[in-house]
């Protein structure tokens, strides 16, 4: 029996009040707990973003079922990717990805490709900043890179997270662009990298903003440039003299390169459009909250978002760029 227009409108309004997402998702919604897989360890950027999303969803009642964050960092994230790949057709699993979506299979040969999954939404892009110790004499990127080049191969140490991943890829690209040659020192996470730079155990790092902002605010580190085509948009002062928007792009500073890291959501392959659209709408609601906006500002994220074919095309293009960068660096699996 068909509802009258008035009853139908009332039903839609009630559904939106209880769960703003499922009314827009073709009627599908989770029927049990949803696993939110993080293919990285605890405390890093992906983990922070996943746990913030979980808290926002719970606080604002955006899902009827619980969202449970599960870390699967083994094999540089391969454990998490293979877990979701093997869950084909299961709409109760989602995964947050960073650039190890590309670097891990390319570097290790693990039997996984992003096409094994279903793209849902780009949440943001994460920045990389070239940092030095605040007591170093270098005031801009051009000056620092020139000093590293004149010092000779391997004299300057670049700290980064992991091997054959984003930080080392950026370091190799920086070497090729500038002619400098760094000794790359891998650490377990961005927090460790910042501590090592404060302690002068390395000469520089290419940490994400959120991983070094505390040390910058404390006057221990100095940002030289951001690896993006445009300056950061955040104008609130972080130190007494500088905001994120005051940091020049690396191109402005005489180092012509850029690199951004994906923060995006995928599902297993074989799910329906309605199931995918449920999560598209869910994360649209998450991004609209004040908590999310505050997190974006605190971490100085590039707030580009995408869904659908635009997102899929961006992922395919970015995979190819990683393939080229890693081939140049000699990082591809044999």
Protein backbone atom coordinates (compact mmCIF):
# COMPACT_ATOMS: atom_id res chain seq x y z
CA UNK A 1 0.00 0.00 0.00
CA UNK A 2 1.38 3.43 -0.96
CA UNK A 3 1.95 6.10 1.66
CA UNK A 4 0.22 9.43 1.26
CA UNK A 5 2.49 12.37 0.46
CA UNK A 6 2.20 13.74 3.99
CA UNK A 7 2.98 10.42 5.64
CA UNK A 8 5.83 9.78 3.23
CA UNK A 9 7.41 13.17 3.98
CA UNK A 10 7.04 12.57 7.71
CA UNK A 11 8.72 9.19 7.36
CA UNK A 12 11.65 10.70 5.45
CA UNK A 13 12.05 13.46 8.05
CA UNK A 14 12.05 10.94 10.87
CA UNK A 15 14.62 8.79 9.09
CA UNK A 16 16.91 11.80 8.59
CA UNK A 17 16.62 12.73 12.26
CA UNK A 18 17.62 9.24 13.37
CA UNK A 19 20.19 8.42 10.70
CA UNK A 20 20.97 11.12 8.14
CA UNK A 21 22.85 8.67 5.98
CA UNK A 22 20.63 5.69 5.36
CA UNK A 23 17.76 7.79 4.04
CA UNK A 24 20.05 8.86 1.19
CA UNK A 25 21.64 5.49 0.47
CA UNK A 26 18.99 3.53 -1.38
CA UNK A 27 17.71 2.01 1.84
CA UNK A 28 20.77 -0.09 2.70
CA UNK A 29 22.45 0.28 6.08
CA UNK A 30 24.75 -1.96 8.16
CA UNK A 31 23.07 -4.78 10.04
CA UNK A 32 26.02 -5.50 12.35
CA UNK A 33 29.25 -3.90 13.58
CA UNK A 34 31.46 -2.38 10.87
CA UNK A 35 35.21 -2.99 11.00
CA UNK A 36 37.27 0.09 10.15
CA UNK A 37 40.66 -1.26 9.12
CA UNK A 38 43.81 0.84 9.54
CA UNK A 39 46.71 -0.63 7.50
CA UNK A 40 49.21 1.04 9.84
CA UNK A 41 50.08 1.15 13.54
CA UNK A 42 48.47 3.18 16.29
CA UNK A 43 49.16 6.89 16.71
CA UNK A 44 49.94 7.76 13.10
CA UNK A 45 47.91 9.96 10.78
CA UNK A 46 45.66 7.20 9.42
CA UNK A 47 44.98 5.86 12.90
CA UNK A 48 44.19 9.34 14.23
CA UNK A 49 41.81 10.01 11.35
CA UNK A 50 40.04 6.67 11.75
CA UNK A 51 39.57 7.08 15.49
CA UNK A 52 38.37 10.66 15.11
CA UNK A 53 35.82 9.47 12.53
CA UNK A 54 34.69 6.75 14.91
CA UNK A 55 34.23 9.28 17.73
CA UNK A 56 32.33 11.72 15.48
CA UNK A 57 30.02 9.00 14.18
CA UNK A 58 29.24 7.86 17.71
CA UNK A 59 28.78 11.37 19.11
CA UNK A 60 26.45 12.52 16.32
CA UNK A 61 24.57 9.19 16.00
CA UNK A 62 25.44 8.84 12.32
CA UNK A 63 25.25 5.03 12.38
CA UNK A 64 22.96 2.63 14.23
CA UNK A 65 25.64 -0.08 14.37
CA UNK A 66 29.04 0.29 16.09
CA UNK A 67 32.14 1.23 14.08
CA UNK A 68 35.18 -0.64 15.39
CA UNK A 69 38.72 0.50 14.50
CA UNK A 70 41.11 -2.42 13.87
CA UNK A 71 44.85 -1.86 13.23
CA UNK A 72 46.52 -4.30 10.81
CA UNK A 73 49.98 -2.82 10.15
CA UNK A 74 51.91 -5.98 9.23
CA UNK A 75 53.98 -5.93 6.05
CA UNK A 76 53.79 -2.13 5.67
CA UNK A 77 49.99 -2.39 5.59
CA UNK A 78 49.81 -5.51 3.39
CA UNK A 79 48.05 -7.38 6.20
CA UNK A 80 45.20 -4.87 6.21
CA UNK A 81 44.88 -4.67 2.42
CA UNK A 82 44.83 -8.45 1.97
CA UNK A 83 42.28 -8.78 4.78
CA UNK A 84 39.87 -6.42 3.01
CA UNK A 85 40.62 -7.95 -0.40
CA UNK A 86 39.67 -11.36 0.97
CA UNK A 87 36.37 -9.95 2.32
CA UNK A 88 34.93 -9.51 -1.20
CA UNK A 89 31.25 -8.58 -1.12
CA UNK A 90 31.23 -7.79 2.63
CA UNK A 91 29.84 -4.26 3.20
CA UNK A 92 30.67 -4.39 6.90
CA UNK A 93 34.36 -3.72 6.35
CA UNK A 94 35.95 -0.43 5.27
CA UNK A 95 39.59 0.62 5.17
CA UNK A 96 41.35 3.97 5.42
CA UNK A 97 44.28 4.24 3.04
CA UNK A 98 47.40 6.29 2.74
CA UNK A 99 50.00 6.08 0.00
CA UNK A 100 50.98 2.56 1.10
CA UNK A 101 47.97 1.64 -1.04
CA UNK A 102 50.48 2.04 -3.89
CA UNK A 103 53.93 1.74 -2.30
CA UNK A 104 53.42 -1.56 -0.48
CA UNK A 105 52.41 -3.73 -3.47
CA UNK A 106 54.91 -1.98 -5.75
CA UNK A 107 57.81 -2.44 -3.31
CA UNK A 108 56.99 -5.93 -2.06
CA UNK A 109 55.13 -7.67 -4.89
CA UNK A 110 52.36 -8.67 -2.46
CA UNK A 111 49.32 -9.90 -4.47
CA UNK A 112 47.20 -6.81 -4.01
CA UNK A 113 46.17 -3.81 -6.10
CA UNK A 114 43.77 -1.01 -5.26
CA UNK A 115 41.48 -2.30 -8.02
CA UNK A 116 40.75 -5.27 -5.75
CA UNK A 117 38.80 -2.78 -3.61
CA UNK A 118 35.89 -0.39 -4.13
CA UNK A 119 36.79 3.33 -3.94
CA UNK A 120 34.41 5.22 -1.63
CA UNK A 121 35.73 8.72 -0.92
CA UNK A 122 38.86 10.83 -0.64
CA UNK A 123 38.66 12.43 2.82
CA UNK A 124 41.63 14.77 2.41
CA UNK A 125 45.21 14.94 1.19
CA UNK A 126 48.04 15.07 3.69
CA UNK A 127 50.91 17.48 3.29
CA UNK A 128 54.65 17.00 3.68
CA UNK A 129 56.89 19.74 5.03
CA UNK A 130 60.68 19.97 4.86
CA UNK A 131 61.78 20.54 8.48
CA UNK A 132 65.14 21.39 10.06
CA UNK A 133 66.19 21.94 13.64
CA UNK A 134 65.38 25.50 14.74
CA UNK A 135 69.03 25.99 15.74
CA UNK A 136 70.30 25.19 12.24
CA UNK A 137 71.54 28.13 10.15
CA UNK A 138 69.22 27.37 7.20
CA UNK A 139 66.32 29.79 6.68
CA UNK A 140 64.89 28.43 3.42
CA UNK A 141 64.82 25.24 1.37
CA UNK A 142 67.10 26.48 -1.40
CA UNK A 143 69.80 27.35 1.12
CA UNK A 144 69.49 24.00 2.89
CA UNK A 145 69.54 21.88 -0.26
CA UNK A 146 72.54 23.83 -1.61
CA UNK A 147 74.42 23.17 1.64
CA UNK A 148 73.60 19.45 1.44
CA UNK A 149 74.81 19.35 -2.15
CA UNK A 150 78.10 21.13 -1.41
CA UNK A 151 78.76 18.98 1.65
CA UNK A 152 79.03 15.89 -0.53
CA UNK A 153 77.14 12.61 -0.84
CA UNK A 154 75.62 11.30 2.37
CA UNK A 155 76.92 14.02 4.70
CA UNK A 156 73.41 15.31 5.52
CA UNK A 157 70.96 12.92 7.15
CA UNK A 158 67.25 12.88 6.26
CA UNK A 159 64.96 11.25 8.82
CA UNK A 160 61.73 9.60 7.69
CA UNK A 161 59.09 7.00 8.46
CA UNK A 162 59.80 3.54 7.07
CA UNK A 163 61.71 2.41 3.99
CA UNK A 164 60.57 2.63 0.35
CA UNK A 165 57.52 4.57 1.51
CA UNK A 166 56.42 8.20 1.15
CA UNK A 167 59.23 9.88 3.12
CA UNK A 168 62.00 8.05 1.29
CA UNK A 169 60.29 8.51 -2.08
CA UNK A 170 60.18 12.27 -1.45
CA UNK A 171 63.83 12.21 -0.37
CA UNK A 172 64.92 10.44 -3.57
CA UNK A 173 62.82 12.82 -5.70
CA UNK A 174 64.41 15.76 -3.88
CA UNK A 175 67.87 14.34 -4.60
CA UNK A 176 67.11 13.91 -8.29
CA UNK A 177 65.69 17.41 -8.58
CA UNK A 178 68.50 19.14 -6.68
CA UNK A 179 71.62 17.03 -7.13
CA UNK A 180 72.06 16.70 -3.35
CA UNK A 181 72.57 13.23 -1.85
CA UNK A 182 71.22 12.47 1.64
CA UNK A 183 71.72 9.54 3.95
CA UNK A 184 68.15 8.41 4.62
CA UNK A 185 67.49 7.20 8.18
CA UNK A 186 64.19 5.30 8.66
CA UNK A 187 62.23 5.38 11.93
CA UNK A 188 59.03 3.68 13.06
CA UNK A 189 56.78 6.73 12.90
CA UNK A 190 56.52 10.48 12.42
CA UNK A 191 56.64 11.14 16.14
CA UNK A 192 60.01 9.38 16.38
CA UNK A 193 61.27 11.34 13.38
CA UNK A 194 60.40 14.68 15.01
CA UNK A 195 62.14 13.67 18.25
CA UNK A 196 65.29 12.65 16.35
CA UNK A 197 65.36 15.98 14.52
CA UNK A 198 64.92 17.91 17.77
CA UNK A 199 67.83 15.90 19.17
CA UNK A 200 69.95 16.71 16.08
CA UNK A 201 70.44 13.02 15.25
CA UNK A 202 69.32 13.87 11.71
CA UNK A 203 69.63 17.13 9.79
CA UNK A 204 66.13 17.31 8.30
CA UNK A 205 62.85 15.46 7.84
CA UNK A 206 59.82 15.52 5.53
CA UNK A 207 57.21 14.94 8.23
CA UNK A 208 53.47 15.60 7.92
CA UNK A 209 52.35 18.81 9.65
CA UNK A 210 50.49 17.05 12.46
CA UNK A 211 53.57 14.97 13.29
CA UNK A 212 55.82 17.98 13.93
CA UNK A 213 53.50 20.84 14.89
CA UNK A 214 54.11 20.44 18.64
CA UNK A 215 57.87 20.77 18.19
CA UNK A 216 57.41 23.73 15.84
CA UNK A 217 55.13 25.47 18.33
CA UNK A 218 57.72 24.82 21.05
CA UNK A 219 60.44 26.53 18.96
CA UNK A 220 62.43 23.34 18.40
CA UNK A 221 61.86 22.86 14.65
CA UNK A 222 61.71 25.18 11.63
CA UNK A 223 59.59 24.53 8.51
CA UNK A 224 61.35 25.43 5.26
CA UNK A 225 58.73 24.60 2.62
CA UNK A 226 55.60 22.57 1.91
CA UNK A 227 55.52 20.03 -0.94
CA UNK A 228 52.33 21.31 -2.55
CA UNK A 229 51.48 23.46 -5.56
CA UNK A 230 49.82 26.06 -3.34
CA UNK A 231 50.48 27.38 0.14
CA UNK A 232 48.49 26.03 3.06
CA UNK A 233 45.27 27.95 3.74
CA UNK A 234 45.46 28.11 7.54
CA UNK A 235 46.20 31.65 8.74
CA UNK A 236 45.98 31.26 12.53
CA UNK A 237 49.42 31.70 14.12
CA UNK A 238 51.11 28.48 15.25
CA UNK A 239 54.11 30.30 16.68
CA UNK A 240 54.30 33.96 17.67
CA UNK A 241 55.52 34.80 14.15
CA UNK A 242 54.23 32.20 11.71
CA UNK A 243 51.05 30.48 10.54
CA UNK A 244 50.90 27.45 8.24
CA UNK A 245 50.04 29.87 5.41
CA UNK A 246 53.39 31.63 5.90
CA UNK A 247 55.36 28.54 4.87
CA UNK A 248 56.36 28.89 1.19
CA UNK A 249 55.79 26.10 -1.27
CA UNK A 250 58.97 24.22 -2.12
CA UNK A 251 58.70 25.57 -5.65
CA UNK A 252 58.60 29.13 -4.30
CA UNK A 253 61.65 28.28 -2.20
CA UNK A 254 63.63 27.08 -5.20
CA UNK A 255 62.93 23.32 -4.93
CA UNK A 256 60.59 22.47 -7.80
CA UNK A 257 58.64 19.41 -6.62
CA UNK A 258 55.39 18.50 -4.90
CA UNK A 259 53.92 15.41 -3.22
CA UNK A 260 50.59 14.83 -1.46
CA UNK A 261 49.47 11.72 0.42
CA UNK A 262 46.03 10.15 0.12
CA UNK A 263 43.70 9.86 3.08
CA UNK A 264 40.80 7.92 1.60
CA UNK A 265 38.18 5.25 2.21
CA UNK A 266 37.76 1.97 0.31
CA UNK A 267 35.51 -1.08 0.72
CA UNK A 268 36.00 -4.68 -0.41
CA UNK A 269 35.31 -5.46 -4.06
CA UNK A 270 31.95 -6.84 -5.06
CA UNK A 271 29.75 -4.56 -2.96
CA UNK A 272 26.63 -2.89 -4.33
CA UNK A 273 26.28 0.75 -5.34
CA UNK A 274 23.79 1.29 -2.50
CA UNK A 275 26.28 -0.09 0.04
CA UNK A 276 29.06 2.13 -1.30
CA UNK A 277 26.77 5.16 -1.37
CA UNK A 278 25.87 4.62 2.28
CA UNK A 279 29.51 5.24 3.25
CA UNK A 280 29.87 8.12 0.78
CA UNK A 281 27.01 9.88 2.60
CA UNK A 282 28.28 8.83 6.02
CA UNK A 283 31.68 10.46 5.51
CA UNK A 284 30.08 13.52 3.94
CA UNK A 285 28.30 13.96 7.29
CA UNK A 286 31.56 13.35 9.18
CA UNK A 287 33.37 16.03 7.17
CA UNK A 288 30.62 18.56 7.94
CA UNK A 289 31.11 18.38 11.72
CA UNK A 290 33.05 21.00 13.72
CA UNK A 291 35.28 18.28 15.16
CA UNK A 292 36.44 17.28 11.69
CA UNK A 293 37.01 20.87 10.62
CA UNK A 294 39.11 21.51 13.73
CA UNK A 295 41.19 18.39 13.00
CA UNK A 296 41.75 19.54 9.41
CA UNK A 297 43.04 22.91 10.64
CA UNK A 298 45.21 21.41 13.37
CA UNK A 299 46.85 19.02 10.91
CA UNK A 300 47.02 21.60 8.08
CA UNK A 301 45.43 19.17 5.63
CA UNK A 302 44.67 19.88 1.98
CA UNK A 303 40.87 19.49 2.13
CA UNK A 304 40.37 18.19 -1.41
CA UNK A 305 37.63 15.54 -1.47
CA UNK A 306 36.40 13.26 -4.26
CA UNK A 307 33.98 10.40 -4.87
CA UNK A 308 32.83 8.32 -7.84
CA UNK A 309 34.68 8.26 -11.15
CA UNK A 310 36.68 11.38 -10.27
CA UNK A 311 38.13 9.59 -7.24
CA UNK A 312 38.81 6.38 -9.18
CA UNK A 313 40.59 8.32 -11.94
CA UNK A 314 42.69 10.22 -9.39
CA UNK A 315 43.74 6.96 -7.72
CA UNK A 316 44.73 5.41 -11.06
CA UNK A 317 46.78 8.47 -12.02
CA UNK A 318 48.47 8.61 -8.60
CA UNK A 319 49.35 4.91 -8.75
CA UNK A 320 51.14 5.54 -12.05
CA UNK A 321 53.05 8.46 -10.57
CA UNK A 322 54.20 6.25 -7.67
CA UNK A 323 55.25 3.56 -10.13
CA UNK A 324 57.42 6.08 -11.99
CA UNK A 325 58.92 7.58 -8.82
CA UNK A 326 59.68 4.15 -7.35
CA UNK A 327 61.15 2.90 -10.61
CA UNK A 328 63.50 5.89 -10.69
CA UNK A 329 64.48 5.20 -7.08
CA UNK A 330 65.02 1.47 -7.69
CA UNK A 331 62.30 0.57 -5.18
CA UNK A 332 60.12 -1.70 -7.36
CA UNK A 333 59.94 -5.37 -6.42
CA UNK A 334 62.11 -7.56 -8.64
